Amino acid sequence: MNSKPKKILIVEDERPLSRALELKLSNIGFKTRVAYDGEEALDFIKKDKFDLMLLDLVVPNISGFDVLLRLRQSKNKIPIIITSNLGQGDDLKKAQELGTLKYFIKSDVGIAEIVNYVKDFLDNNLKNDKDKK
């Protein structure tokens, strides 16, 4: 892996899940930061650059969809993976239209599957970055 760890912002208000994601991703070499609501997530994004965001759509203060919309309106291109309990077709379509990478319905997947997807994406993205040099 690159000498500078990739940074992941986890936006998740369910503390056991956010802690589990944080631990699993940190253990495989990623630097993580957790935001427990949408407002905190936007503050972190203003102050720091992240390589990826894991975003729950149902979080306090500012919803995940509003976070996503504000980021896209500001031309922020951070790759975003949705992790949510919302699984309606309209939600999936809206997230896709806003340029998300993947949509995980939390009740349908385990943490390992999410972590593996993140690792594969960032490892492949890292290889692509090296190819551009």
N, C-alpha and C. Protein backbone atom coordinates (compact mmCIF):
# COMPACT_ATOMS: atom_id res chain seq x y z
N MET A 1 0.83 -1.18 0.00
CA MET A 1 0.00 0.00 0.00
C MET A 1 0.88 1.25 0.00
N ASN A 2 0.36 2.34 -0.47
CA ASN A 2 1.05 3.61 -0.52
C ASN A 2 1.52 4.02 0.88
N SER A 3 2.60 4.82 0.95
CA SER A 3 3.12 5.22 2.25
C SER A 3 2.14 6.14 2.99
N LYS A 4 1.34 6.88 2.24
CA LYS A 4 0.34 7.75 2.87
C LYS A 4 -1.01 7.05 2.82
N PRO A 5 -1.57 6.69 3.99
CA PRO A 5 -2.82 5.93 3.98
C PRO A 5 -3.98 6.73 3.39
N LYS A 6 -4.84 6.03 2.68
CA LYS A 6 -6.04 6.64 2.12
C LYS A 6 -6.98 6.98 3.28
N LYS A 7 -7.68 8.12 3.14
CA LYS A 7 -8.57 8.58 4.20
C LYS A 7 -10.03 8.34 3.83
N ILE A 8 -10.76 7.77 4.78
CA ILE A 8 -12.16 7.44 4.58
C ILE A 8 -13.00 8.16 5.64
N LEU A 9 -14.05 8.85 5.18
CA LEU A 9 -15.01 9.46 6.09
C LEU A 9 -16.22 8.53 6.20
N ILE A 10 -16.51 8.11 7.41
CA ILE A 10 -17.66 7.25 7.69
C ILE A 10 -18.75 8.13 8.29
N VAL A 11 -19.89 8.22 7.60
CA VAL A 11 -21.01 9.02 8.09
C VAL A 11 -22.10 8.03 8.51
N GLU A 12 -22.18 7.81 9.80
CA GLU A 12 -23.06 6.75 10.33
C GLU A 12 -23.42 7.08 11.77
N ASP A 13 -24.71 7.19 12.07
CA ASP A 13 -25.12 7.53 13.44
C ASP A 13 -25.32 6.31 14.33
N GLU A 14 -25.35 5.12 13.76
CA GLU A 14 -25.44 3.91 14.58
C GLU A 14 -24.03 3.59 15.08
N ARG A 15 -23.78 3.93 16.32
CA ARG A 15 -22.41 3.86 16.85
C ARG A 15 -21.77 2.47 16.79
N PRO A 16 -22.49 1.39 17.08
CA PRO A 16 -21.83 0.08 16.95
C PRO A 16 -21.35 -0.20 15.52
N LEU A 17 -22.16 0.19 14.55
CA LEU A 17 -21.78 -0.02 13.15
C LEU A 17 -20.64 0.91 12.75
N SER A 18 -20.71 2.17 13.14
CA SER A 18 -19.64 3.10 12.77
C SER A 18 -18.32 2.66 13.41
N ARG A 19 -18.38 2.19 14.64
CA ARG A 19 -17.17 1.72 15.33
C ARG A 19 -16.60 0.48 14.65
N ALA A 20 -17.48 -0.45 14.27
CA ALA A 20 -17.02 -1.68 13.60
C ALA A 20 -16.37 -1.35 12.26
N LEU A 21 -16.98 -0.46 11.48
CA LEU A 21 -16.39 -0.06 10.20
C LEU A 21 -15.05 0.63 10.42
N GLU A 22 -15.02 1.52 11.40
CA GLU A 22 -13.79 2.24 11.72
C GLU A 22 -12.66 1.27 12.08
N LEU A 23 -12.94 0.31 12.94
CA LEU A 23 -11.93 -0.66 13.36
C LEU A 23 -11.45 -1.53 12.20
N LYS A 24 -12.40 -2.08 11.44
CA LYS A 24 -12.04 -2.96 10.32
C LYS A 24 -11.20 -2.23 9.28
N LEU A 25 -11.60 -1.01 8.93
CA LEU A 25 -10.88 -0.25 7.91
C LEU A 25 -9.51 0.22 8.43
N SER A 26 -9.45 0.61 9.69
CA SER A 26 -8.17 1.02 10.29
C SER A 26 -7.20 -0.16 10.35
N ASN A 27 -7.73 -1.34 10.68
CA ASN A 27 -6.89 -2.53 10.79
C ASN A 27 -6.24 -2.95 9.47
N ILE A 28 -6.83 -2.54 8.35
CA ILE A 28 -6.22 -2.89 7.06
C ILE A 28 -5.48 -1.70 6.44
N GLY A 29 -5.22 -0.68 7.26
CA GLY A 29 -4.32 0.37 6.83
C GLY A 29 -4.92 1.68 6.37
N PHE A 30 -6.23 1.85 6.51
CA PHE A 30 -6.84 3.11 6.11
C PHE A 30 -6.97 4.04 7.30
N LYS A 31 -6.91 5.33 7.03
CA LYS A 31 -7.13 6.34 8.07
C LYS A 31 -8.62 6.68 8.02
N THR A 32 -9.30 6.61 9.16
CA THR A 32 -10.74 6.82 9.18
C THR A 32 -11.12 7.98 10.09
N ARG A 33 -12.24 8.57 9.76
CA ARG A 33 -12.85 9.62 10.58
C ARG A 33 -14.34 9.34 10.58
N VAL A 34 -15.00 9.48 11.71
CA VAL A 34 -16.43 9.20 11.80
C VAL A 34 -17.20 10.49 12.07
N ALA A 35 -18.24 10.70 11.28
CA ALA A 35 -19.20 11.78 11.52
C ALA A 35 -20.52 11.11 11.89
N TYR A 36 -21.14 11.59 12.95
CA TYR A 36 -22.37 10.97 13.43
C TYR A 36 -23.63 11.65 12.91
N ASP A 37 -23.46 12.73 12.15
CA ASP A 37 -24.60 13.38 11.50
C ASP A 37 -24.13 14.10 10.24
N GLY A 38 -25.08 14.56 9.44
CA GLY A 38 -24.75 15.17 8.16
C GLY A 38 -24.01 16.49 8.29
N GLU A 39 -24.36 17.27 9.29
CA GLU A 39 -23.70 18.55 9.50
C GLU A 39 -22.22 18.36 9.81
N GLU A 40 -21.94 17.42 10.69
CA GLU A 40 -20.55 17.10 11.05
C GLU A 40 -19.78 16.61 9.82
N ALA A 41 -20.43 15.80 8.99
CA ALA A 41 -19.79 15.29 7.77
C ALA A 41 -19.37 16.44 6.86
N LEU A 42 -20.28 17.40 6.64
CA LEU A 42 -19.95 18.54 5.78
C LEU A 42 -18.83 19.38 6.37
N ASP A 43 -18.81 19.53 7.70
CA ASP A 43 -17.71 20.26 8.36
C ASP A 43 -16.38 19.56 8.13
N PHE A 44 -16.35 18.24 8.28
CA PHE A 44 -15.11 17.48 8.06
C PHE A 44 -14.63 17.63 6.62
N ILE A 45 -15.56 17.59 5.67
CA ILE A 45 -15.21 17.70 4.25
C ILE A 45 -14.60 19.07 3.94
N LYS A 46 -15.10 20.11 4.61
CA LYS A 46 -14.56 21.47 4.40
C LYS A 46 -13.12 21.57 4.90
N LYS A 47 -12.81 20.83 5.97
CA LYS A 47 -11.52 20.96 6.64
C LYS A 47 -10.46 19.98 6.15
N ASP A 48 -10.88 18.89 5.50
CA ASP A 48 -9.92 17.84 5.15
C ASP A 48 -10.32 17.20 3.83
N LYS A 49 -9.36 16.55 3.19
CA LYS A 49 -9.62 15.86 1.93
C LYS A 49 -9.70 14.36 2.23
N PHE A 50 -10.77 13.75 1.76
CA PHE A 50 -10.96 12.31 1.94
C PHE A 50 -10.93 11.62 0.59
N ASP A 51 -10.48 10.38 0.59
CA ASP A 51 -10.41 9.59 -0.64
C ASP A 51 -11.71 8.85 -0.92
N LEU A 52 -12.55 8.71 0.11
CA LEU A 52 -13.80 7.96 -0.02
C LEU A 52 -14.71 8.30 1.15
N MET A 53 -16.02 8.25 0.89
CA MET A 53 -17.00 8.45 1.97
C MET A 53 -17.97 7.27 1.99
N LEU A 54 -18.19 6.74 3.18
CA LEU A 54 -19.27 5.78 3.42
C LEU A 54 -20.40 6.59 4.04
N LEU A 55 -21.55 6.64 3.37
CA LEU A 55 -22.61 7.56 3.78
C LEU A 55 -23.92 6.83 4.05
N ASP A 56 -24.40 6.96 5.28
CA ASP A 56 -25.75 6.49 5.62
C ASP A 56 -26.71 7.61 5.20
N LEU A 57 -27.86 7.26 4.67
CA LEU A 57 -28.81 8.26 4.21
C LEU A 57 -29.69 8.81 5.32
N VAL A 58 -29.85 8.04 6.39
CA VAL A 58 -30.71 8.48 7.49
C VAL A 58 -29.82 8.81 8.68
N VAL A 59 -29.41 10.08 8.73
CA VAL A 59 -28.58 10.58 9.83
C VAL A 59 -29.19 11.89 10.34
N PRO A 60 -28.92 12.26 11.59
CA PRO A 60 -29.50 13.48 12.15
C PRO A 60 -29.00 14.77 11.48
N ASN A 61 -29.72 15.84 11.75
CA ASN A 61 -29.43 17.22 11.35
C ASN A 61 -29.56 17.46 9.85
N ILE A 62 -28.68 16.90 9.06
CA ILE A 62 -28.75 17.02 7.60
C ILE A 62 -28.75 15.60 7.06
N SER A 63 -29.77 15.25 6.28
CA SER A 63 -29.88 13.87 5.79
C SER A 63 -28.72 13.51 4.87
N GLY A 64 -28.50 12.22 4.72
CA GLY A 64 -27.46 11.75 3.81
C GLY A 64 -27.70 12.21 2.38
N PHE A 65 -28.96 12.20 1.94
CA PHE A 65 -29.26 12.69 0.58
C PHE A 65 -28.90 14.17 0.45
N ASP A 66 -29.18 14.97 1.49
CA ASP A 66 -28.83 16.39 1.43
C ASP A 66 -27.32 16.59 1.44
N VAL A 67 -26.60 15.78 2.20
CA VAL A 67 -25.13 15.83 2.18
C VAL A 67 -24.64 15.54 0.76
N LEU A 68 -25.16 14.48 0.18
CA LEU A 68 -24.78 14.07 -1.17
C LEU A 68 -25.09 15.18 -2.18
N LEU A 69 -26.27 15.75 -2.09
CA LEU A 69 -26.68 16.82 -3.00
C LEU A 69 -25.77 18.04 -2.86
N ARG A 70 -25.48 18.44 -1.63
CA ARG A 70 -24.61 19.62 -1.41
C ARG A 70 -23.20 19.38 -1.94
N LEU A 71 -22.69 18.18 -1.74
CA LEU A 71 -21.35 17.87 -2.25
C LEU A 71 -21.33 17.95 -3.77
N ARG A 72 -22.33 17.38 -4.41
CA ARG A 72 -22.36 17.38 -5.88
C ARG A 72 -22.59 18.79 -6.43
N GLN A 73 -23.41 19.59 -5.75
CA GLN A 73 -23.64 20.97 -6.18
C GLN A 73 -22.37 21.81 -6.06
N SER A 74 -21.53 21.47 -5.09
CA SER A 74 -20.27 22.20 -4.90
C SER A 74 -19.15 21.61 -5.75
N LYS A 75 -19.52 20.67 -6.62
CA LYS A 75 -18.57 20.02 -7.55
C LYS A 75 -17.55 19.13 -6.84
N ASN A 76 -17.84 18.75 -5.59
CA ASN A 76 -16.96 17.83 -4.87
C ASN A 76 -17.13 16.44 -5.47
N LYS A 77 -16.04 15.86 -5.91
CA LYS A 77 -16.08 14.58 -6.62
C LYS A 77 -15.70 13.38 -5.74
N ILE A 78 -15.73 13.55 -4.42
CA ILE A 78 -15.37 12.44 -3.54
C ILE A 78 -16.19 11.20 -3.90
N PRO A 79 -15.54 10.06 -4.05
CA PRO A 79 -16.30 8.83 -4.29
C PRO A 79 -17.13 8.49 -3.05
N ILE A 80 -18.40 8.15 -3.28
CA ILE A 80 -19.31 7.89 -2.17
C ILE A 80 -19.97 6.53 -2.32
N ILE A 81 -19.92 5.77 -1.23
CA ILE A 81 -20.62 4.49 -1.14
C ILE A 81 -21.73 4.67 -0.12
N ILE A 82 -22.95 4.33 -0.53
CA ILE A 82 -24.10 4.44 0.37
C ILE A 82 -24.22 3.16 1.20
N THR A 83 -24.42 3.34 2.50
CA THR A 83 -24.76 2.23 3.40
C THR A 83 -26.03 2.67 4.12
N SER A 84 -27.15 2.05 3.80
CA SER A 84 -28.41 2.54 4.34
C SER A 84 -29.41 1.42 4.54
N ASN A 85 -30.41 1.69 5.36
CA ASN A 85 -31.54 0.78 5.49
C ASN A 85 -32.64 1.12 4.50
N LEU A 86 -32.52 2.26 3.82
CA LEU A 86 -33.48 2.62 2.78
C LEU A 86 -33.19 1.78 1.55
N GLY A 87 -34.18 1.03 1.11
CA GLY A 87 -33.93 0.13 -0.02
C GLY A 87 -34.95 0.25 -1.13
N GLN A 88 -35.73 1.32 -1.13
CA GLN A 88 -36.74 1.51 -2.17
C GLN A 88 -36.07 1.86 -3.49
N GLY A 89 -36.72 1.49 -4.57
CA GLY A 89 -36.19 1.77 -5.91
C GLY A 89 -35.90 3.24 -6.13
N ASP A 90 -36.76 4.12 -5.60
CA ASP A 90 -36.56 5.57 -5.77
C ASP A 90 -35.27 6.03 -5.09
N ASP A 91 -34.99 5.46 -3.92
CA ASP A 91 -33.77 5.82 -3.19
C ASP A 91 -32.53 5.38 -3.97
N LEU A 92 -32.57 4.16 -4.48
CA LEU A 92 -31.45 3.64 -5.26
C LEU A 92 -31.21 4.50 -6.50
N LYS A 93 -32.30 4.83 -7.18
CA LYS A 93 -32.20 5.64 -8.41
C LYS A 93 -31.64 7.03 -8.11
N LYS A 94 -32.15 7.66 -7.06
CA LYS A 94 -31.69 9.00 -6.69
C LYS A 94 -30.20 8.99 -6.36
N ALA A 95 -29.77 8.00 -5.60
CA ALA A 95 -28.35 7.89 -5.24
C ALA A 95 -27.49 7.69 -6.49
N GLN A 96 -27.97 6.86 -7.39
CA GLN A 96 -27.24 6.59 -8.63
C GLN A 96 -27.13 7.86 -9.48
N GLU A 97 -28.23 8.61 -9.57
CA GLU A 97 -28.24 9.86 -10.34
C GLU A 97 -27.26 10.88 -9.76
N LEU A 98 -27.02 10.80 -8.45
CA LEU A 98 -26.08 11.73 -7.80
C LEU A 98 -24.65 11.20 -7.81
N GLY A 99 -24.43 10.13 -8.55
CA GLY A 99 -23.06 9.67 -8.81
C GLY A 99 -22.41 8.84 -7.73
N THR A 100 -23.18 8.05 -7.00
CA THR A 100 -22.56 7.19 -6.00
C THR A 100 -21.96 5.95 -6.66
N LEU A 101 -20.95 5.39 -6.01
CA LEU A 101 -20.28 4.19 -6.53
C LEU A 101 -21.10 2.93 -6.35
N LYS A 102 -21.68 2.80 -5.18
CA LYS A 102 -22.33 1.55 -4.79
C LYS A 102 -23.37 1.87 -3.73
N TYR A 103 -24.40 1.05 -3.67
CA TYR A 103 -25.47 1.22 -2.69
C TYR A 103 -25.63 -0.09 -1.94
N PHE A 104 -25.23 -0.10 -0.67
CA PHE A 104 -25.39 -1.28 0.17
C PHE A 104 -26.60 -1.08 1.08
N ILE A 105 -27.51 -2.04 1.07
CA ILE A 105 -28.61 -2.05 2.03
C ILE A 105 -28.10 -2.81 3.25
N LYS A 106 -27.99 -2.11 4.37
CA LYS A 106 -27.32 -2.66 5.55
C LYS A 106 -27.88 -4.00 6.01
N SER A 107 -29.18 -4.17 5.89
CA SER A 107 -29.77 -5.43 6.36
C SER A 107 -29.44 -6.61 5.44
N ASP A 108 -28.95 -6.30 4.23
CA ASP A 108 -28.65 -7.36 3.25
C ASP A 108 -27.18 -7.75 3.17
N VAL A 109 -26.30 -6.97 3.78
CA VAL A 109 -24.86 -7.25 3.67
C VAL A 109 -24.19 -7.20 5.03
N GLY A 110 -23.06 -7.86 5.12
CA GLY A 110 -22.26 -7.80 6.33
C GLY A 110 -21.18 -6.74 6.20
N ILE A 111 -20.58 -6.42 7.32
CA ILE A 111 -19.51 -5.42 7.33
C ILE A 111 -18.35 -5.86 6.44
N ALA A 112 -18.04 -7.15 6.44
CA ALA A 112 -16.91 -7.65 5.64
C ALA A 112 -17.10 -7.34 4.16
N GLU A 113 -18.32 -7.47 3.67
CA GLU A 113 -18.57 -7.19 2.25
C GLU A 113 -18.33 -5.71 1.93
N ILE A 114 -18.77 -4.83 2.82
CA ILE A 114 -18.55 -3.39 2.63
C ILE A 114 -17.06 -3.09 2.67
N VAL A 115 -16.37 -3.62 3.66
CA VAL A 115 -14.92 -3.39 3.81
C VAL A 115 -14.17 -3.92 2.60
N ASN A 116 -14.52 -5.10 2.11
CA ASN A 116 -13.85 -5.65 0.93
C ASN A 116 -14.07 -4.77 -0.30
N TYR A 117 -15.28 -4.25 -0.47
CA TYR A 117 -15.56 -3.37 -1.61
C TYR A 117 -14.71 -2.10 -1.51
N VAL A 118 -14.66 -1.51 -0.32
CA VAL A 118 -13.85 -0.31 -0.10
C VAL A 118 -12.39 -0.58 -0.42
N LYS A 119 -11.86 -1.68 0.10
CA LYS A 119 -10.46 -2.03 -0.12
C LYS A 119 -10.19 -2.23 -1.61
N ASP A 120 -11.04 -3.00 -2.29
CA ASP A 120 -10.86 -3.23 -3.73
C ASP A 120 -10.91 -1.92 -4.50
N PHE A 121 -11.87 -1.06 -4.18
CA PHE A 121 -11.98 0.21 -4.89
C PHE A 121 -10.75 1.08 -4.68
N LEU A 122 -10.33 1.25 -3.43
CA LEU A 122 -9.19 2.13 -3.15
C LEU A 122 -7.88 1.53 -3.66
N ASP A 123 -7.72 0.22 -3.58
CA ASP A 123 -6.51 -0.42 -4.13
C ASP A 123 -6.46 -0.23 -5.64
N ASN A 124 -7.57 -0.44 -6.33
CA ASN A 124 -7.61 -0.27 -7.78
C ASN A 124 -7.44 1.19 -8.16
N ASN A 125 -8.03 2.07 -7.39
CA ASN A 125 -7.89 3.50 -7.62
C ASN A 125 -6.44 3.93 -7.45
N LEU A 126 -5.78 3.35 -6.45
CA LEU A 126 -4.37 3.63 -6.21
C LEU A 126 -3.53 3.18 -7.39
N LYS A 127 -3.82 2.00 -7.92
CA LYS A 127 -3.10 1.50 -9.10
C LYS A 127 -3.32 2.43 -10.29
N ASN A 128 -4.56 2.89 -10.48
CA ASN A 128 -4.86 3.80 -11.57
C ASN A 128 -4.11 5.12 -11.42
N ASP A 129 -3.99 5.61 -10.18
CA ASP A 129 -3.23 6.84 -9.93
C ASP A 129 -1.77 6.65 -10.32
N LYS A 130 -1.20 5.49 -10.00
CA LYS A 130 0.20 5.22 -10.34
C LYS A 130 0.38 5.13 -11.86
N ASP A 131 -0.62 4.57 -12.56
CA ASP A 131 -0.55 4.46 -14.02
C ASP A 131 -0.52 5.82 -14.69
N LYS A 132 -1.14 6.82 -14.06
CA LYS A 132 -1.23 8.16 -14.65
C LYS A 132 0.09 8.91 -14.56
N LYS A 133 0.98 8.47 -13.66
CA LYS A 133 2.24 9.19 -13.44
C LYS A 133 3.26 8.86 -14.50
